[in-house]
PDB file of N, CA and C in Angstrom:
ATOM      1  N   MET A   1      24.712   9.809  -1.992  1.00  0.00           N
ATOM      2  CA  MET A   1      23.522   9.028  -1.726  1.00  0.00           C
ATOM      3  C   MET A   1      23.001   8.484  -3.051  1.00  0.00           C
ATOM      4  N   SER A   2      22.922   7.172  -3.145  1.00  0.00           N
ATOM      5  CA  SER A   2      22.459   6.505  -4.349  1.00  0.00           C
ATOM      6  C   SER A   2      20.976   6.160  -4.213  1.00  0.00           C
ATOM      7  N   LEU A   3      20.198   6.514  -5.228  1.00  0.00           N
ATOM      8  CA  LEU A   3      18.771   6.197  -5.260  1.00  0.00           C
ATOM      9  C   LEU A   3      18.480   5.340  -6.474  1.00  0.00           C
ATOM     10  N   GLU A   4      17.620   4.336  -6.289  1.00  0.00           N
ATOM     11  CA  GLU A   4      17.161   3.518  -7.408  1.00  0.00           C
ATOM     12  C   GLU A   4      15.653   3.661  -7.500  1.00  0.00           C
ATOM     13  N   ARG A   5      15.191   4.219  -8.612  1.00  0.00           N
ATOM     14  CA  ARG A   5      13.758   4.393  -8.841  1.00  0.00           C
ATOM     15  C   ARG A   5      13.264   3.202  -9.657  1.00  0.00           C
ATOM     16  N   ILE A   6      12.174   2.582  -9.198  1.00  0.00           N
ATOM     17  CA  ILE A   6      11.724   1.341  -9.805  1.00  0.00           C
ATOM     18  C   ILE A   6      10.238   1.402 -10.132  1.00  0.00           C
ATOM     19  N   ASN A   7       9.895   0.906 -11.326  1.00  0.00           N
ATOM     20  CA  ASN A   7       8.512   0.642 -11.693  1.00  0.00           C
ATOM     21  C   ASN A   7       8.404  -0.847 -11.976  1.00  0.00           C
ATOM     22  N   TYR A   8       7.322  -1.448 -11.541  1.00  0.00           N
ATOM     23  CA  TYR A   8       7.102  -2.881 -11.673  1.00  0.00           C
ATOM     24  C   TYR A   8       6.082  -3.125 -12.783  1.00  0.00           C
ATOM     25  N   PRO A   9       6.484  -3.780 -13.873  1.00  0.00           N
ATOM     26  CA  PRO A   9       5.583  -3.987 -15.011  1.00  0.00           C
ATOM     27  C   PRO A   9       4.246  -4.626 -14.616  1.00  0.00           C
ATOM     28  N   GLU A  10       4.263  -5.520 -13.624  1.00  0.00           N
ATOM     29  CA  GLU A  10       3.036  -6.188 -13.201  1.00  0.00           C
ATOM     30  C   GLU A  10       1.996  -5.213 -12.646  1.00  0.00           C
ATOM     31  N   LEU A  11       2.441  -4.047 -12.228  1.00  0.00           N
ATOM     32  CA  LEU A  11       1.537  -3.047 -11.658  1.00  0.00           C
ATOM     33  C   LEU A  11       1.094  -2.010 -12.685  1.00  0.00           C
ATOM     34  N   GLY A  12       1.573  -2.126 -13.919  1.00  0.00           N
ATOM     35  CA  GLY A  12       1.256  -1.123 -14.931  1.00  0.00           C
ATOM     36  C   GLY A  12       2.133   0.097 -14.761  1.00  0.00           C
ATOM     37  N   LEU A  13       2.255   0.858 -15.815  1.00  0.00           N
ATOM     38  CA  LEU A  13       3.082   2.063 -15.743  1.00  0.00           C
ATOM     39  C   LEU A  13       2.376   3.150 -14.942  1.00  0.00           C
ATOM     40  N   PRO A  14       3.105   3.909 -14.145  1.00  0.00           N
ATOM     41  CA  PRO A  14       2.494   5.032 -13.431  1.00  0.00           C
ATOM     42  C   PRO A  14       1.864   6.014 -14.422  1.00  0.00           C
ATOM     43  N   VAL A  15       0.743   6.586 -14.025  1.00  0.00           N
ATOM     44  CA  VAL A  15       0.047   7.525 -14.897  1.00  0.00           C
ATOM     45  C   VAL A  15       0.451   8.971 -14.624  1.00  0.00           C
ATOM     46  N   GLY A  16       1.364   9.166 -13.717  1.00  0.00           N
ATOM     47  CA  GLY A  16       1.832  10.509 -13.390  1.00  0.00           C
ATOM     48  C   GLY A  16       3.331  10.519 -13.199  1.00  0.00           C
ATOM     49  N   PRO A  17       3.858  11.652 -12.771  1.00  0.00           N
ATOM     50  CA  PRO A  17       5.306  11.781 -12.588  1.00  0.00           C
ATOM     51  C   PRO A  17       5.768  11.211 -11.245  1.00  0.00           C
ATOM     52  N   TYR A  18       5.744   9.897 -11.145  1.00  0.00           N
ATOM     53  CA  TYR A  18       6.217   9.240  -9.926  1.00  0.00           C
ATOM     54  C   TYR A  18       6.701   7.837 -10.266  1.00  0.00           C
ATOM     55  N   SER A  19       7.406   7.223  -9.345  1.00  0.00           N
ATOM     56  CA  SER A  19       7.849   5.832  -9.454  1.00  0.00           C
ATOM     57  C   SER A  19       7.047   5.001  -8.475  1.00  0.00           C
ATOM     58  N   HIS A  20       6.871   3.713  -8.778  1.00  0.00           N
ATOM     59  CA  HIS A  20       6.210   2.826  -7.823  1.00  0.00           C
ATOM     60  C   HIS A  20       6.973   2.789  -6.511  1.00  0.00           C
ATOM     61  N   ALA A  21       8.307   2.760  -6.608  1.00  0.00           N
ATOM     62  CA  ALA A  21       9.121   2.651  -5.397  1.00  0.00           C
ATOM     63  C   ALA A  21      10.489   3.277  -5.626  1.00  0.00           C
ATOM     64  N   VAL A  22      11.123   3.626  -4.525  1.00  0.00           N
ATOM     65  CA  VAL A  22      12.491   4.137  -4.555  1.00  0.00           C
ATOM     66  C   VAL A  22      13.265   3.404  -3.468  1.00  0.00           C
ATOM     67  N   ILE A  23      14.444   2.917  -3.846  1.00  0.00           N
ATOM     68  CA  ILE A  23      15.333   2.277  -2.877  1.00  0.00           C
ATOM     69  C   ILE A  23      16.461   3.239  -2.547  1.00  0.00           C
ATOM     70  N   GLN A  24      16.702   3.415  -1.257  1.00  0.00           N
ATOM     71  CA  GLN A  24      17.838   4.192  -0.775  1.00  0.00           C
ATOM     72  C   GLN A  24      18.481   3.352   0.315  1.00  0.00           C
ATOM     73  N   GLY A  25      19.697   2.942   0.071  1.00  0.00           N
ATOM     74  CA  GLY A  25      20.366   2.080   1.042  1.00  0.00           C
ATOM     75  C   GLY A  25      19.647   0.752   1.165  1.00  0.00           C
ATOM     76  N   ASN A  26      19.304   0.376   2.381  1.00  0.00           N
ATOM     77  CA  ASN A  26      18.610  -0.880   2.647  1.00  0.00           C
ATOM     78  C   ASN A  26      17.127  -0.665   2.921  1.00  0.00           C
ATOM     79  N   THR A  27      16.573   0.424   2.363  1.00  0.00           N
ATOM     80  CA  THR A  27      15.175   0.758   2.593  1.00  0.00           C
ATOM     81  C   THR A  27      14.473   0.992   1.269  1.00  0.00           C
ATOM     82  N   LEU A  28      13.261   0.439   1.157  1.00  0.00           N
ATOM     83  CA  LEU A  28      12.423   0.643  -0.025  1.00  0.00           C
ATOM     84  C   LEU A  28      11.194   1.432   0.398  1.00  0.00           C
ATOM     85  N   TYR A  29      10.942   2.524  -0.290  1.00  0.00           N
ATOM     86  CA  TYR A  29       9.794   3.391  -0.030  1.00  0.00           C
ATOM     87  C   TYR A  29       8.833   3.263  -1.210  1.00  0.00           C
ATOM     88  N   THR A  30       7.547   3.044  -0.943  1.00  0.00           N
ATOM     89  CA  THR A  30       6.590   2.972  -2.043  1.00  0.00           C
ATOM     90  C   THR A  30       5.795   4.260  -2.155  1.00  0.00           C
ATOM     91  N   SER A  31       5.285   4.464  -3.336  1.00  0.00           N
ATOM     92  CA  SER A  31       4.279   5.496  -3.532  1.00  0.00           C
ATOM     93  C   SER A  31       2.991   5.017  -2.871  1.00  0.00           C
ATOM     94  N   GLY A  32       1.993   5.866  -2.827  1.00  0.00           N
ATOM     95  CA  GLY A  32       0.695   5.452  -2.312  1.00  0.00           C
ATOM     96  C   GLY A  32      -0.004   4.553  -3.322  1.00  0.00           C
ATOM     97  N   PHE A  33      -0.572   3.463  -2.839  1.00  0.00           N
ATOM     98  CA  PHE A  33      -1.309   2.534  -3.696  1.00  0.00           C
ATOM     99  C   PHE A  33      -2.772   2.506  -3.290  1.00  0.00           C
ATOM    100  N   THR A  34      -3.634   2.340  -4.296  1.00  0.00           N
ATOM    101  CA  THR A  34      -5.079   2.212  -4.092  1.00  0.00           C
ATOM    102  C   THR A  34      -5.556   0.959  -4.824  1.00  0.00           C
ATOM    103  N   ALA A  35      -6.839   0.705  -4.749  1.00  0.00           N
ATOM    104  CA  ALA A  35      -7.441  -0.417  -5.466  1.00  0.00           C
ATOM    105  C   ALA A  35      -7.890   0.001  -6.866  1.00  0.00           C
ATOM    106  N   PHE A  36      -7.514   1.187  -7.307  1.00  0.00           N
ATOM    107  CA  PHE A  36      -7.924   1.680  -8.627  1.00  0.00           C
ATOM    108  C   PHE A  36      -7.497   0.691  -9.709  1.00  0.00           C
ATOM    109  N   GLY A  37      -8.413   0.349 -10.583  1.00  0.00           N
ATOM    110  CA  GLY A  37      -8.119  -0.563 -11.682  1.00  0.00           C
ATOM    111  C   GLY A  37      -8.193  -2.029 -11.317  1.00  0.00           C
ATOM    112  N   THR A  38      -8.530  -2.337 -10.063  1.00  0.00           N
ATOM    113  CA  THR A  38      -8.690  -3.724  -9.638  1.00  0.00           C
ATOM    114  C   THR A  38     -10.182  -4.039  -9.523  1.00  0.00           C
ATOM    115  N   PRO A  39     -10.550  -5.306  -9.452  1.00  0.00           N
ATOM    116  CA  PRO A  39     -11.962  -5.650  -9.248  1.00  0.00           C
ATOM    117  C   PRO A  39     -12.519  -5.096  -7.933  1.00  0.00           C
ATOM    118  N   GLU A  40     -11.646  -4.792  -6.969  1.00  0.00           N
ATOM    119  CA  GLU A  40     -12.084  -4.286  -5.661  1.00  0.00           C
ATOM    120  C   GLU A  40     -12.249  -2.767  -5.621  1.00  0.00           C
ATOM    121  N   GLN A  41     -12.088  -2.104  -6.748  1.00  0.00           N
ATOM    122  CA  GLN A  41     -12.123  -0.637  -6.793  1.00  0.00           C
ATOM    123  C   GLN A  41     -13.376  -0.057  -6.129  1.00  0.00           C
ATOM    124  N   SER A  42     -14.506  -0.699  -6.266  1.00  0.00           N
ATOM    125  CA  SER A  42     -15.754  -0.194  -5.670  1.00  0.00           C
ATOM    126  C   SER A  42     -16.186  -1.011  -4.456  1.00  0.00           C
ATOM    127  N   ALA A  43     -15.308  -1.845  -3.940  1.00  0.00           N
ATOM    128  CA  ALA A  43     -15.642  -2.725  -2.820  1.00  0.00           C
ATOM    129  C   ALA A  43     -15.474  -2.014  -1.487  1.00  0.00           C
ATOM    130  N   SER A  44     -15.620  -2.773  -0.425  1.00  0.00           N
ATOM    131  CA  SER A  44     -15.478  -2.239   0.936  1.00  0.00           C
ATOM    132  C   SER A  44     -14.033  -1.809   1.198  1.00  0.00           C
ATOM    133  N   ILE A  45     -13.850  -1.066   2.267  1.00  0.00           N
ATOM    134  CA  ILE A  45     -12.507  -0.611   2.625  1.00  0.00           C
ATOM    135  C   ILE A  45     -11.596  -1.812   2.916  1.00  0.00           C
ATOM    136  N   ALA A  46     -12.140  -2.854   3.545  1.00  0.00           N
ATOM    137  CA  ALA A  46     -11.336  -4.044   3.841  1.00  0.00           C
ATOM    138  C   ALA A  46     -10.901  -4.748   2.562  1.00  0.00           C
ATOM    139  N   GLU A  47     -11.791  -4.870   1.605  1.00  0.00           N
ATOM    140  CA  GLU A  47     -11.453  -5.519   0.332  1.00  0.00           C
ATOM    141  C   GLU A  47     -10.473  -4.663  -0.466  1.00  0.00           C
ATOM    142  N   GLN A  48     -10.633  -3.346  -0.413  1.00  0.00           N
ATOM    143  CA  GLN A  48      -9.668  -2.468  -1.081  1.00  0.00           C
ATOM    144  C   GLN A  48      -8.293  -2.603  -0.433  1.00  0.00           C
ATOM    145  N   ALA A  49      -8.245  -2.698   0.889  1.00  0.00           N
ATOM    146  CA  ALA A  49      -6.965  -2.872   1.580  1.00  0.00           C
ATOM    147  C   ALA A  49      -6.287  -4.170   1.138  1.00  0.00           C
ATOM    148  N   LYS A  50      -7.048  -5.240   1.025  1.00  0.00           N
ATOM    149  CA  LYS A  50      -6.486  -6.513   0.580  1.00  0.00           C
ATOM    150  C   LYS A  50      -5.923  -6.391  -0.834  1.00  0.00           C
ATOM    151  N   ALA A  51      -6.608  -5.664  -1.709  1.00  0.00           N
ATOM    152  CA  ALA A  51      -6.113  -5.449  -3.076  1.00  0.00           C
ATOM    153  C   ALA A  51      -4.819  -4.644  -3.066  1.00  0.00           C
ATOM    154  N   ILE A  52      -4.726  -3.674  -2.190  1.00  0.00           N
ATOM    155  CA  ILE A  52      -3.511  -2.867  -2.082  1.00  0.00           C
ATOM    156  C   ILE A  52      -2.352  -3.726  -1.582  1.00  0.00           C
ATOM    157  N   PHE A  53      -2.594  -4.530  -0.579  1.00  0.00           N
ATOM    158  CA  PHE A  53      -1.515  -5.375  -0.065  1.00  0.00           C
ATOM    159  C   PHE A  53      -1.108  -6.449  -1.067  1.00  0.00           C
ATOM    160  N   ALA A  54      -2.006  -6.840  -1.953  1.00  0.00           N
ATOM    161  CA  ALA A  54      -1.613  -7.753  -3.042  1.00  0.00           C
ATOM    162  C   ALA A  54      -0.605  -7.058  -3.955  1.00  0.00           C
ATOM    163  N   GLN A  55      -0.795  -5.759  -4.195  1.00  0.00           N
ATOM    164  CA  GLN A  55       0.162  -4.990  -4.988  1.00  0.00           C
ATOM    165  C   GLN A  55       1.488  -4.844  -4.249  1.00  0.00           C
ATOM    166  N   LEU A  56       1.420  -4.568  -2.958  1.00  0.00           N
ATOM    167  CA  LEU A  56       2.646  -4.442  -2.170  1.00  0.00           C
ATOM    168  C   LEU A  56       3.394  -5.768  -2.104  1.00  0.00           C
ATOM    169  N   GLU A  57       2.657  -6.867  -2.124  1.00  0.00           N
ATOM    170  CA  GLU A  57       3.299  -8.178  -2.134  1.00  0.00           C
ATOM    171  C   GLU A  57       4.039  -8.420  -3.448  1.00  0.00           C
ATOM    172  N   ILE A  58       3.517  -7.909  -4.549  1.00  0.00           N
ATOM    173  CA  ILE A  58       4.224  -7.998  -5.844  1.00  0.00           C
ATOM    174  C   ILE A  58       5.569  -7.286  -5.735  1.00  0.00           C
ATOM    175  N   ILE A  59       5.563  -6.111  -5.139  1.00  0.00           N
ATOM    176  CA  ILE A  59       6.803  -5.356  -4.956  1.00  0.00           C
ATOM    177  C   ILE A  59       7.763  -6.136  -4.064  1.00  0.00           C
ATOM    178  N   ALA A  60       7.257  -6.638  -2.951  1.00  0.00           N
ATOM    179  CA  ALA A  60       8.106  -7.381  -2.020  1.00  0.00           C
ATOM    180  C   ALA A  60       8.739  -8.593  -2.712  1.00  0.00           C
ATOM    181  N   LYS A  61       7.942  -9.365  -3.422  1.00  0.00           N
ATOM    182  CA  LYS A  61       8.477 -10.556  -4.099  1.00  0.00           C
ATOM    183  C   LYS A  61       9.525 -10.183  -5.135  1.00  0.00           C
ATOM    184  N   ALA A  62       9.305  -9.078  -5.845  1.00  0.00           N
ATOM    185  CA  ALA A  62      10.290  -8.632  -6.839  1.00  0.00           C
ATOM    186  C   ALA A  62      11.622  -8.290  -6.182  1.00  0.00           C
ATOM    187  N   GLN A  63      11.573  -7.893  -4.925  1.00  0.00           N
ATOM    188  CA  GLN A  63      12.789  -7.541  -4.177  1.00  0.00           C
ATOM    189  C   GLN A  63      13.300  -8.718  -3.336  1.00  0.00           C
ATOM    190  N   HIS A  64      12.679  -9.883  -3.486  1.00  0.00           N
ATOM    191  CA  HIS A  64      13.074 -11.103  -2.761  1.00  0.00           C
ATOM    192  C   HIS A  64      12.902 -10.952  -1.248  1.00  0.00           C
ATOM    193  N   ILE A  65      11.814 -10.272  -0.863  1.00  0.00           N
ATOM    194  CA  ILE A  65      11.440 -10.132   0.541  1.00  0.00           C
ATOM    195  C   ILE A  65       9.948 -10.471   0.644  1.00  0.00           C
ATOM    196  N   SER A  66       9.350 -10.217   1.793  1.00  0.00           N
ATOM    197  CA  SER A  66       7.917 -10.467   1.968  1.00  0.00           C
ATOM    198  C   SER A  66       7.298  -9.311   2.755  1.00  0.00           C
ATOM    199  N   LEU A  67       5.996  -9.418   2.983  1.00  0.00           N
ATOM    200  CA  LEU A  67       5.326  -8.397   3.785  1.00  0.00           C
ATOM    201  C   LEU A  67       5.843  -8.387   5.222  1.00  0.00           C
ATOM    202  N   GLN A  68       6.539  -9.432   5.631  1.00  0.00           N
ATOM    203  CA  GLN A  68       7.147  -9.447   6.964  1.00  0.00           C
ATOM    204  C   GLN A  68       8.241  -8.393   7.094  1.00  0.00           C
ATOM    205  N   ASN A  69       8.720  -7.872   5.961  1.00  0.00           N
ATOM    206  CA  ASN A  69       9.749  -6.833   5.959  1.00  0.00           C
ATOM    207  C   ASN A  69       9.167  -5.422   6.058  1.00  0.00           C
ATOM    208  N   LEU A  70       7.844  -5.320   6.189  1.00  0.00           N
ATOM    209  CA  LEU A  70       7.239  -3.998   6.342  1.00  0.00           C
ATOM    210  C   LEU A  70       7.739  -3.351   7.629  1.00  0.00           C
ATOM    211  N   VAL A  71       8.223  -2.130   7.502  1.00  0.00           N
ATOM    212  CA  VAL A  71       8.675  -1.363   8.657  1.00  0.00           C
ATOM    213  C   VAL A  71       7.575  -0.414   9.100  1.00  0.00           C
ATOM    214  N   LYS A  72       6.929   0.248   8.122  1.00  0.00           N
ATOM    215  CA  LYS A  72       5.951   1.302   8.423  1.00  0.00           C
ATOM    216  C   LYS A  72       4.961   1.406   7.288  1.00  0.00           C
ATOM    217  N   VAL A  73       3.696   1.615   7.613  1.00  0.00           N
ATOM    218  CA  VAL A  73       2.686   1.940   6.622  1.00  0.00           C
ATOM    219  C   VAL A  73       2.006   3.239   7.041  1.00  0.00           C
ATOM    220  N   THR A  74       1.634   4.017   6.046  1.00  0.00           N
ATOM    221  CA  THR A  74       0.796   5.189   6.264  1.00  0.00           C
ATOM    222  C   THR A  74      -0.484   4.933   5.498  1.00  0.00           C
ATOM    223  N   ILE A  75      -1.599   4.971   6.210  1.00  0.00           N
ATOM    224  CA  ILE A  75      -2.894   4.621   5.650  1.00  0.00           C
ATOM    225  C   ILE A  75      -3.773   5.866   5.643  1.00  0.00           C
ATOM    226  N   PHE A  76      -4.271   6.196   4.461  1.00  0.00           N
ATOM    227  CA  PHE A  76      -5.172   7.338   4.280  1.00  0.00           C
ATOM    228  C   PHE A  76      -6.563   6.779   4.014  1.00  0.00           C
ATOM    229  N   VAL A  77      -7.556   7.190   4.792  1.00  0.00           N
ATOM    230  CA  VAL A  77      -8.930   6.717   4.601  1.00  0.00           C
ATOM    231  C   VAL A  77      -9.874   7.899   4.435  1.00  0.00           C
ATOM    232  N   THR A  78     -10.921   7.688   3.663  1.00  0.00           N
ATOM    233  CA  THR A  78     -11.904   8.742   3.428  1.00  0.00           C
ATOM    234  C   THR A  78     -13.085   8.660   4.386  1.00  0.00           C
ATOM    235  N   ASP A  79     -13.219   7.528   5.084  1.00  0.00           N
ATOM    236  CA  ASP A  79     -14.376   7.319   5.954  1.00  0.00           C
ATOM    237  C   ASP A  79     -13.932   6.486   7.146  1.00  0.00           C
ATOM    238  N   MET A  80     -14.186   6.957   8.333  1.00  0.00           N
ATOM    239  CA  MET A  80     -13.760   6.249   9.545  1.00  0.00           C
ATOM    240  C   MET A  80     -14.812   5.231  10.024  1.00  0.00           C
ATOM    241  N   SER A  81     -15.969   5.159   9.369  1.00  0.00           N
ATOM    242  CA  SER A  81     -17.040   4.299   9.882  1.00  0.00           C
ATOM    243  C   SER A  81     -16.745   2.808   9.741  1.00  0.00           C
ATOM    244  N   ASP A  82     -15.852   2.413   8.835  1.00  0.00           N
ATOM    245  CA  ASP A  82     -15.535   1.001   8.644  1.00  0.00           C
ATOM    246  C   ASP A  82     -14.150   0.630   9.178  1.00  0.00           C
ATOM    247  N   ILE A  83     -13.653   1.378  10.132  1.00  0.00           N
ATOM    248  CA  ILE A  83     -12.306   1.151  10.650  1.00  0.00           C
ATOM    249  C   ILE A  83     -12.189  -0.227  11.303  1.00  0.00           C
ATOM    250  N   ASP A  84     -13.223  -0.692  11.983  1.00  0.00           N
ATOM    251  CA  ASP A  84     -13.148  -2.013  12.604  1.00  0.00           C
ATOM    252  C   ASP A  84     -12.931  -3.098  11.559  1.00  0.00           C
ATOM    253  N   ALA A  85     -13.639  -3.032  10.443  1.00  0.00           N
ATOM    254  CA  ALA A  85     -13.458  -4.012   9.361  1.00  0.00           C
ATOM    255  C   ALA A  85     -12.054  -3.903   8.772  1.00  0.00           C
ATOM    256  N   LEU A  86     -11.548  -2.692   8.654  1.00  0.00           N
ATOM    257  CA  LEU A  86     -10.181  -2.494   8.161  1.00  0.00           C
ATOM    258  C   LEU A  86      -9.173  -3.117   9.127  1.00  0.00           C
ATOM    259  N   ARG A  87      -9.357  -2.903  10.399  1.00  0.00           N
ATOM    260  CA  ARG A  87      -8.433  -3.459  11.395  1.00  0.00           C
ATOM    261  C   ARG A  87      -8.422  -4.990  11.359  1.00  0.00           C
ATOM    262  N   VAL A  88      -9.584  -5.592  11.164  1.00  0.00           N
ATOM    263  CA  VAL A  88      -9.649  -7.055  11.053  1.00  0.00           C
ATOM    264  C   VAL A  88      -8.851  -7.513   9.836  1.00  0.00           C
ATOM    265  N   ALA A  89      -9.044  -6.838   8.699  1.00  0.00           N
ATOM    266  CA  ALA A  89      -8.315  -7.201   7.477  1.00  0.00           C
ATOM    267  C   ALA A  89      -6.808  -7.033   7.668  1.00  0.00           C
ATOM    268  N   LEU A  90      -6.398  -5.934   8.292  1.00  0.00           N
ATOM    269  CA  LEU A  90      -4.971  -5.698   8.513  1.00  0.00           C
ATOM    270  C   LEU A  90      -4.374  -6.742   9.450  1.00  0.00           C
ATOM    271  N   THR A  91      -5.108  -7.130  10.464  1.00  0.00           N
ATOM    272  CA  THR A  91      -4.636  -8.168  11.385  1.00  0.00           C
ATOM    273  C   THR A  91      -4.407  -9.477  10.635  1.00  0.00           C
ATOM    274  N   GLN A  92      -5.310  -9.814   9.721  1.00  0.00           N
ATOM    275  CA  GLN A  92      -5.156 -11.029   8.912  1.00  0.00           C
ATOM    276  C   GLN A  92      -3.944 -10.915   7.989  1.00  0.00           C
ATOM    277  N   ILE A  93      -3.752  -9.763   7.394  1.00  0.00           N
ATOM    278  CA  ILE A  93      -2.637  -9.555   6.457  1.00  0.00           C
ATOM    279  C   ILE A  93      -1.294  -9.608   7.185  1.00  0.00           C
ATOM    280  N   TYR A  94      -1.191  -8.922   8.310  1.00  0.00           N
ATOM    281  CA  TYR A  94       0.081  -8.816   9.022  1.00  0.00           C
ATOM    282  C   TYR A  94       0.450 -10.077   9.797  1.00  0.00           C
ATOM    283  N   GLY A  95      -0.524 -10.762  10.344  1.00  0.00           N
ATOM    284  CA  GLY A  95      -0.216 -11.873  11.235  1.00  0.00           C
ATOM    285  C   GLY A  95       0.562 -11.348  12.438  1.00  0.00           C
ATOM    286  N   ASP A  96       1.688 -11.975  12.721  1.00  0.00           N
ATOM    287  CA  ASP A  96       2.511 -11.569  13.869  1.00  0.00           C
ATOM    288  C   ASP A  96       3.552 -10.513  13.511  1.00  0.00           C
ATOM    289  N   HIS A  97       3.505  -9.983  12.303  1.00  0.00           N
ATOM    290  CA  HIS A  97       4.532  -9.050  11.826  1.00  0.00           C
ATOM    291  C   HIS A  97       3.928  -7.665  11.594  1.00  0.00           C
ATOM    292  N   THR A  98       3.444  -7.054  12.659  1.00  0.00           N
ATOM    293  CA  THR A  98       2.794  -5.753  12.529  1.00  0.00           C
ATOM    294  C   THR A  98       3.828  -4.641  12.376  1.00  0.00           C
ATOM    295  N   PRO A  99       3.671  -3.817  11.342  1.00  0.00           N
ATOM    296  CA  PRO A  99       4.578  -2.680  11.165  1.00  0.00           C
ATOM    297  C   PRO A  99       4.134  -1.493  12.019  1.00  0.00           C
ATOM    298  N   ALA A 100       4.988  -0.509  12.117  1.00  0.00           N
ATOM    299  CA  ALA A 100       4.546   0.777  12.652  1.00  0.00           C
ATOM    300  C   ALA A 100       3.508   1.312  11.674  1.00  0.00           C
ATOM    301  N   SER A 101       2.587   2.132  12.155  1.00  0.00           N
ATOM    302  CA  SER A 101       1.488   2.545  11.283  1.00  0.00           C
ATOM    303  C   SER A 101       0.946   3.907  11.683  1.00  0.00           C
ATOM    304  N   SER A 102       0.540   4.664  10.661  1.00  0.00           N
ATOM    305  CA  SER A 102      -0.193   5.910  10.879  1.00  0.00           C
ATOM    306  C   SER A 102      -1.497   5.814  10.108  1.00  0.00           C
ATOM    307  N   LEU A 103      -2.579   6.319  10.681  1.00  0.00           N
ATOM    308  CA  LEU A 103      -3.894   6.342  10.041  1.00  0.00           C
ATOM    309  C   LEU A 103      -4.342   7.786   9.953  1.00  0.00           C
ATOM    310  N   ILE A 104      -4.625   8.223   8.735  1.00  0.00           N
ATOM    311  CA  ILE A 104      -4.971   9.628   8.510  1.00  0.00           C
ATOM    312  C   ILE A 104      -6.309   9.707   7.792  1.00  0.00           C
ATOM    313  N   LYS A 105      -7.238  10.470   8.331  1.00  0.00           N
ATOM    314  CA  LYS A 105      -8.542  10.703   7.692  1.00  0.00           C
ATOM    315  C   LYS A 105      -8.376  11.854   6.699  1.00  0.00           C
ATOM    316  N   ILE A 106      -8.798  11.606   5.458  1.00  0.00           N
ATOM    317  CA  ILE A 106      -8.738  12.631   4.415  1.00  0.00           C
ATOM    318  C   ILE A 106     -10.131  12.837   3.834  1.00  0.00           C
ATOM    319  N   ASP A 107     -10.317  13.921   3.100  1.00  0.00           N
ATOM    320  CA  ASP A 107     -11.626  14.203   2.516  1.00  0.00           C
ATOM    321  C   ASP A 107     -11.950  13.300   1.332  1.00  0.00           C
ATOM    322  N   ALA A 108     -10.966  13.062   0.461  1.00  0.00           N
ATOM    323  CA  ALA A 108     -11.246  12.279  -0.744  1.00  0.00           C
ATOM    324  C   ALA A 108      -9.945  11.824  -1.377  1.00  0.00           C
ATOM    325  N   LEU A 109     -10.075  10.801  -2.231  1.00  0.00           N
ATOM    326  CA  LEU A 109      -8.980  10.364  -3.087  1.00  0.00           C
ATOM    327  C   LEU A 109      -9.344  10.751  -4.515  1.00  0.00           C
ATOM    328  N   PHE A 110      -8.528  10.388  -5.483  1.00  0.00           N
ATOM    329  CA  PHE A 110      -8.710  10.875  -6.852  1.00  0.00           C
ATOM    330  C   PHE A 110      -9.904  10.271  -7.586  1.00  0.00           C
ATOM    331  N   ALA A 111     -10.481   9.193  -7.064  1.00  0.00           N
ATOM    332  CA  ALA A 111     -11.704   8.610  -7.626  1.00  0.00           C
ATOM    333  C   ALA A 111     -12.691   8.437  -6.470  1.00  0.00           C
ATOM    334  N   PRO A 112     -13.939   8.802  -6.665  1.00  0.00           N
ATOM    335  CA  PRO A 112     -14.877   8.839  -5.533  1.00  0.00           C
ATOM    336  C   PRO A 112     -15.137   7.494  -4.862  1.00  0.00           C
ATOM    337  N   GLU A 113     -14.988   6.389  -5.576  1.00  0.00           N
ATOM    338  CA  GLU A 113     -15.253   5.079  -4.973  1.00  0.00           C
ATOM    339  C   GLU A 113     -14.092   4.557  -4.131  1.00  0.00           C
ATOM    340  N   LEU A 114     -12.926   5.190  -4.240  1.00  0.00           N
ATOM    341  CA  LEU A 114     -11.771   4.757  -3.462  1.00  0.00           C
ATOM    342  C   LEU A 114     -11.906   5.211  -2.016  1.00  0.00           C
ATOM    343  N   LYS A 115     -11.668   4.282  -1.112  1.00  0.00           N
ATOM    344  CA  LYS A 115     -11.822   4.550   0.315  1.00  0.00           C
ATOM    345  C   LYS A 115     -10.500   4.577   1.073  1.00  0.00           C
ATOM    346  N   ILE A 116      -9.412   4.089   0.423  1.00  0.00           N
ATOM    347  CA  ILE A 116      -8.164   3.911   1.146  1.00  0.00           C
ATOM    348  C   ILE A 116      -6.970   3.993   0.193  1.00  0.00           C
ATOM    349  N   GLU A 117      -5.896   4.578   0.686  1.00  0.00           N
ATOM    350  CA  GLU A 117      -4.604   4.599  -0.012  1.00  0.00           C
ATOM    351  C   GLU A 117      -3.540   4.254   1.026  1.00  0.00           C
ATOM    352  N   ILE A 118      -2.538   3.465   0.608  1.00  0.00           N
ATOM    353  CA  ILE A 118      -1.512   3.025   1.545  1.00  0.00           C
ATOM    354  C   ILE A 118      -0.125   3.236   0.951  1.00  0.00           C
ATOM    355  N   GLU A 119       0.759   3.864   1.731  1.00  0.00           N
ATOM    356  CA  GLU A 119       2.178   3.975   1.435  1.00  0.00           C
ATOM    357  C   GLU A 119       2.908   2.999   2.351  1.00  0.00           C
ATOM    358  N   ALA A 120       4.019   2.433   1.890  1.00  0.00           N
ATOM    359  CA  ALA A 120       4.737   1.467   2.702  1.00  0.00           C
ATOM    360  C   ALA A 120       6.241   1.704   2.662  1.00  0.00           C
ATOM    361  N   ILE A 121       6.889   1.322   3.739  1.00  0.00           N
ATOM    362  CA  ILE A 121       8.341   1.328   3.829  1.00  0.00           C
ATOM    363  C   ILE A 121       8.765  -0.086   4.210  1.00  0.00           C
ATOM    364  N   PHE A 122       9.682  -0.654   3.416  1.00  0.00           N
ATOM    365  CA  PHE A 122      10.197  -1.993   3.636  1.00  0.00           C
ATOM    366  C   PHE A 122      11.675  -1.949   3.986  1.00  0.00           C
ATOM    367  N   ALA A 123      12.102  -2.854   4.849  1.00  0.00           N
ATOM    368  CA  ALA A 123      13.528  -3.103   5.065  1.00  0.00           C
ATOM    369  C   ALA A 123      13.964  -4.132   4.040  1.00  0.00           C
ATOM    370  N   LEU A 124      15.104  -3.871   3.413  1.00  0.00           N
ATOM    371  CA  LEU A 124      15.619  -4.825   2.408  1.00  0.00           C
ATOM    372  C   LEU A 124      16.681  -5.724   3.016  1.00  0.00           C
TER     373      LEU A 124
END
């Protein structure tokens, strides 16, 4: 089994022992992404989600694919009260190409202003 671990310079170097993404076969798995370090870091959950998908789009473009290649996302949220706004944002992002998805409520992320973290799986 061949694995390719990838970091994307446009996203900055990881600050811990992980890779931005790993490719195995025809599948790309991402680490969890947040809006940390972006202008949306303290924004609403919908704006943070848009910032995260902008990062995922950088990964997709680097692999010569698009967000239409999303197979599955796992979404971790710290607060369920803004889920409707998140769903509207996700509908706009996905268009007609909705991936499989899991939504998990967690107590907190590594910075208190972060409301959402997203992991993604892409078909290559």
